[in-house]
């Protein structure tokens, strides 16, 4: 396994307002993605980081839950980028 230099970004639930502080609105999520891209980061699959260690400005996103909103809200936003 390669020594990973790139960060793995673990995001809280998207669009789960009942969760309070552990919630990211769709607008906040979009701003976070855009800010990372504007700063020169590139999103790659976590498997790429595991296999190669990634480049210095590579990021991988994972979600720590299997909520429906990951597929219905987060995935469509990510697909835009």
N, C-alpha and C. Protein backbone atom coordinates (compact mmCIF):
# COMPACT_ATOMS: atom_id res chain seq x y z
N UNK A 1 0.84 -1.18 0.00
CA UNK A 1 0.00 0.00 0.00
C UNK A 1 0.88 1.24 0.00
N UNK A 2 0.55 2.20 -0.80
CA UNK A 2 1.32 3.43 -0.92
C UNK A 2 1.14 4.29 0.33
N UNK A 3 2.14 5.09 0.61
CA UNK A 3 2.05 6.05 1.71
C UNK A 3 1.25 7.25 1.22
N UNK A 4 0.06 7.43 1.75
CA UNK A 4 -0.83 8.49 1.28
C UNK A 4 -0.38 9.85 1.79
N UNK A 5 -0.21 10.79 0.86
CA UNK A 5 0.10 12.17 1.19
C UNK A 5 -1.14 13.04 1.05
N UNK A 6 -2.13 12.56 0.34
CA UNK A 6 -3.32 13.36 0.05
C UNK A 6 -4.39 13.12 1.11
N UNK A 7 -5.15 14.16 1.42
CA UNK A 7 -6.19 13.99 2.43
C UNK A 7 -7.42 13.26 1.90
N UNK A 8 -8.03 12.54 2.80
CA UNK A 8 -9.31 11.90 2.55
C UNK A 8 -10.33 12.73 3.32
N UNK A 9 -11.30 13.28 2.62
CA UNK A 9 -12.28 14.17 3.25
C UNK A 9 -13.50 13.37 3.64
N UNK A 10 -13.77 13.32 4.92
CA UNK A 10 -14.94 12.63 5.45
C UNK A 10 -15.98 13.69 5.76
N UNK A 11 -17.08 13.66 5.03
CA UNK A 11 -18.09 14.70 5.17
C UNK A 11 -19.26 14.24 6.02
N UNK A 12 -19.84 15.18 6.75
CA UNK A 12 -21.05 14.85 7.52
C UNK A 12 -22.23 14.70 6.58
N UNK A 13 -23.36 14.29 7.11
CA UNK A 13 -24.55 14.11 6.26
C UNK A 13 -24.94 15.39 5.53
N UNK A 14 -25.43 15.22 4.34
CA UNK A 14 -25.94 16.33 3.55
C UNK A 14 -27.45 16.28 3.59
N UNK A 15 -28.04 17.39 3.91
CA UNK A 15 -29.49 17.55 3.92
C UNK A 15 -30.18 16.66 4.96
N UNK A 16 -29.68 16.74 6.17
CA UNK A 16 -30.29 16.05 7.31
C UNK A 16 -30.45 17.07 8.44
N UNK A 17 -31.32 18.08 8.28
CA UNK A 17 -31.41 19.17 9.25
C UNK A 17 -31.74 18.73 10.67
N UNK A 18 -32.41 17.62 10.84
CA UNK A 18 -32.73 17.14 12.18
C UNK A 18 -31.47 16.79 12.96
N UNK A 19 -30.37 16.60 12.25
CA UNK A 19 -29.11 16.24 12.90
C UNK A 19 -28.38 17.46 13.45
N UNK A 20 -28.87 18.65 13.17
CA UNK A 20 -28.28 19.87 13.72
C UNK A 20 -26.89 20.17 13.20
N UNK A 21 -25.92 20.25 14.10
CA UNK A 21 -24.57 20.68 13.73
C UNK A 21 -23.86 19.67 12.83
N UNK A 22 -24.31 18.46 12.77
CA UNK A 22 -23.69 17.45 11.92
C UNK A 22 -24.32 17.42 10.54
N UNK A 23 -24.88 18.53 10.12
CA UNK A 23 -25.58 18.60 8.84
C UNK A 23 -24.93 19.65 7.96
N UNK A 24 -24.85 19.35 6.68
CA UNK A 24 -24.38 20.31 5.68
C UNK A 24 -25.51 20.50 4.69
N UNK A 25 -25.91 21.74 4.48
CA UNK A 25 -26.96 22.00 3.51
C UNK A 25 -26.41 21.77 2.10
N UNK A 26 -27.28 21.53 1.13
CA UNK A 26 -26.80 21.39 -0.24
C UNK A 26 -26.00 22.61 -0.71
N UNK A 27 -26.43 23.81 -0.32
CA UNK A 27 -25.70 25.03 -0.72
C UNK A 27 -24.31 25.06 -0.08
N UNK A 28 -24.20 24.67 1.19
CA UNK A 28 -22.90 24.63 1.85
C UNK A 28 -21.99 23.59 1.20
N UNK A 29 -22.56 22.43 0.88
CA UNK A 29 -21.79 21.37 0.25
C UNK A 29 -21.24 21.85 -1.10
N UNK A 30 -22.08 22.49 -1.88
CA UNK A 30 -21.66 23.01 -3.18
C UNK A 30 -20.53 24.05 -3.00
N UNK A 31 -20.67 24.93 -2.02
CA UNK A 31 -19.63 25.94 -1.77
C UNK A 31 -18.31 25.28 -1.36
N UNK A 32 -18.39 24.23 -0.55
CA UNK A 32 -17.17 23.52 -0.14
C UNK A 32 -16.47 22.89 -1.34
N UNK A 33 -17.24 22.27 -2.21
CA UNK A 33 -16.65 21.65 -3.41
C UNK A 33 -16.02 22.73 -4.29
N UNK A 34 -16.75 23.82 -4.51
CA UNK A 34 -16.25 24.91 -5.35
C UNK A 34 -15.01 25.56 -4.75
N UNK A 35 -14.98 25.73 -3.44
CA UNK A 35 -13.82 26.33 -2.78
C UNK A 35 -12.58 25.45 -2.96
N UNK A 36 -12.75 24.15 -2.82
CA UNK A 36 -11.62 23.23 -3.01
C UNK A 36 -11.12 23.28 -4.44
N UNK A 37 -12.04 23.27 -5.39
CA UNK A 37 -11.63 23.33 -6.80
C UNK A 37 -10.95 24.66 -7.11
N UNK A 38 -11.49 25.74 -6.60
CA UNK A 38 -10.92 27.08 -6.82
C UNK A 38 -9.51 27.17 -6.23
N UNK A 39 -9.29 26.45 -5.14
CA UNK A 39 -7.97 26.44 -4.49
C UNK A 39 -6.99 25.51 -5.19
N UNK A 40 -7.43 24.85 -6.27
CA UNK A 40 -6.54 24.02 -7.05
C UNK A 40 -6.53 22.55 -6.69
N UNK A 41 -7.48 22.13 -5.87
CA UNK A 41 -7.56 20.71 -5.53
C UNK A 41 -8.28 19.93 -6.62
N UNK A 42 -7.99 18.64 -6.67
CA UNK A 42 -8.60 17.74 -7.64
C UNK A 42 -9.19 16.58 -6.85
N UNK A 43 -10.43 16.23 -7.19
CA UNK A 43 -11.08 15.11 -6.51
C UNK A 43 -10.78 13.81 -7.25
N UNK A 44 -10.39 12.80 -6.48
CA UNK A 44 -10.05 11.49 -7.03
C UNK A 44 -10.76 10.43 -6.19
N UNK A 45 -10.93 9.23 -6.72
CA UNK A 45 -11.53 8.15 -5.93
C UNK A 45 -10.63 7.77 -4.75
N UNK A 46 -11.21 7.40 -3.62
CA UNK A 46 -10.40 6.95 -2.49
C UNK A 46 -9.46 5.81 -2.87
N UNK A 47 -9.89 4.96 -3.78
CA UNK A 47 -9.03 3.84 -4.19
C UNK A 47 -7.74 4.33 -4.84
N UNK A 48 -7.80 5.48 -5.51
CA UNK A 48 -6.59 6.04 -6.11
C UNK A 48 -5.61 6.50 -5.03
N UNK A 49 -6.14 7.10 -3.98
CA UNK A 49 -5.26 7.51 -2.88
C UNK A 49 -4.63 6.29 -2.21
N UNK A 50 -5.43 5.25 -2.04
CA UNK A 50 -4.91 4.04 -1.41
C UNK A 50 -3.83 3.39 -2.26
N UNK A 51 -4.02 3.40 -3.57
CA UNK A 51 -3.09 2.71 -4.46
C UNK A 51 -1.82 3.52 -4.74
N UNK A 52 -1.97 4.85 -4.85
CA UNK A 52 -0.82 5.65 -5.31
C UNK A 52 -0.33 6.66 -4.28
N UNK A 53 -1.10 6.91 -3.27
CA UNK A 53 -0.75 7.96 -2.32
C UNK A 53 -1.25 9.32 -2.75
N UNK A 54 -1.64 9.44 -4.01
CA UNK A 54 -2.19 10.69 -4.51
C UNK A 54 -1.15 11.77 -4.72
N UNK A 55 -1.54 12.76 -5.47
CA UNK A 55 -0.70 13.94 -5.70
C UNK A 55 -0.95 14.93 -4.57
N UNK A 56 -0.08 15.92 -4.41
CA UNK A 56 -0.22 16.86 -3.29
C UNK A 56 -1.57 17.58 -3.21
N UNK A 57 -2.24 17.82 -4.32
CA UNK A 57 -3.51 18.55 -4.27
C UNK A 57 -4.70 17.65 -4.61
N UNK A 58 -4.54 16.36 -4.40
CA UNK A 58 -5.65 15.41 -4.59
C UNK A 58 -6.46 15.31 -3.30
N UNK A 59 -7.77 15.22 -3.47
CA UNK A 59 -8.69 15.00 -2.37
C UNK A 59 -9.63 13.86 -2.75
N UNK A 60 -10.01 13.07 -1.78
CA UNK A 60 -11.05 12.06 -1.98
C UNK A 60 -12.14 12.33 -0.95
N UNK A 61 -13.37 12.14 -1.35
CA UNK A 61 -14.51 12.37 -0.47
C UNK A 61 -15.14 11.04 -0.11
N UNK A 62 -15.42 10.87 1.16
CA UNK A 62 -16.22 9.74 1.61
C UNK A 62 -17.31 10.26 2.54
N UNK A 63 -18.35 9.50 2.70
CA UNK A 63 -19.42 9.84 3.62
C UNK A 63 -19.47 8.76 4.68
N UNK A 64 -19.66 9.18 5.92
CA UNK A 64 -19.61 8.22 7.03
C UNK A 64 -20.96 7.58 7.32
N UNK A 65 -21.85 7.63 6.38
CA UNK A 65 -23.17 7.04 6.59
C UNK A 65 -23.74 6.58 5.26
N UNK A 66 -24.80 5.87 5.31
CA UNK A 66 -25.45 5.38 4.10
C UNK A 66 -26.81 6.01 3.90
N UNK A 67 -26.91 7.26 4.27
CA UNK A 67 -28.21 7.94 4.17
C UNK A 67 -28.64 8.13 2.72
N UNK A 68 -29.92 8.12 2.52
CA UNK A 68 -30.49 8.32 1.20
C UNK A 68 -30.03 9.64 0.58
N UNK A 69 -29.84 10.67 1.41
CA UNK A 69 -29.45 11.99 0.90
C UNK A 69 -28.08 11.99 0.22
N UNK A 70 -27.23 11.01 0.55
CA UNK A 70 -25.94 10.93 -0.15
C UNK A 70 -26.19 10.69 -1.63
N UNK A 71 -27.13 9.81 -1.95
CA UNK A 71 -27.46 9.51 -3.34
C UNK A 71 -28.38 10.53 -3.99
N UNK A 72 -29.31 11.07 -3.20
CA UNK A 72 -30.30 11.97 -3.80
C UNK A 72 -29.86 13.43 -3.83
N UNK A 73 -28.97 13.81 -2.94
CA UNK A 73 -28.54 15.21 -2.87
C UNK A 73 -27.06 15.38 -3.18
N UNK A 74 -26.18 14.68 -2.48
CA UNK A 74 -24.74 14.86 -2.65
C UNK A 74 -24.26 14.36 -4.01
N UNK A 75 -24.69 13.18 -4.42
CA UNK A 75 -24.20 12.60 -5.69
C UNK A 75 -24.53 13.50 -6.89
N UNK A 76 -25.75 14.03 -7.01
CA UNK A 76 -26.02 14.92 -8.15
C UNK A 76 -25.15 16.19 -8.13
N UNK A 77 -24.87 16.72 -6.94
CA UNK A 77 -24.00 17.89 -6.87
C UNK A 77 -22.59 17.52 -7.31
N UNK A 78 -22.08 16.40 -6.82
CA UNK A 78 -20.74 15.97 -7.22
C UNK A 78 -20.66 15.69 -8.73
N UNK A 79 -21.73 15.18 -9.30
CA UNK A 79 -21.73 14.86 -10.74
C UNK A 79 -21.57 16.12 -11.59
N UNK A 80 -21.93 17.27 -11.05
CA UNK A 80 -21.78 18.53 -11.79
C UNK A 80 -20.31 18.93 -11.95
N UNK A 81 -19.45 18.36 -11.14
CA UNK A 81 -18.05 18.75 -11.16
C UNK A 81 -17.17 17.62 -11.65
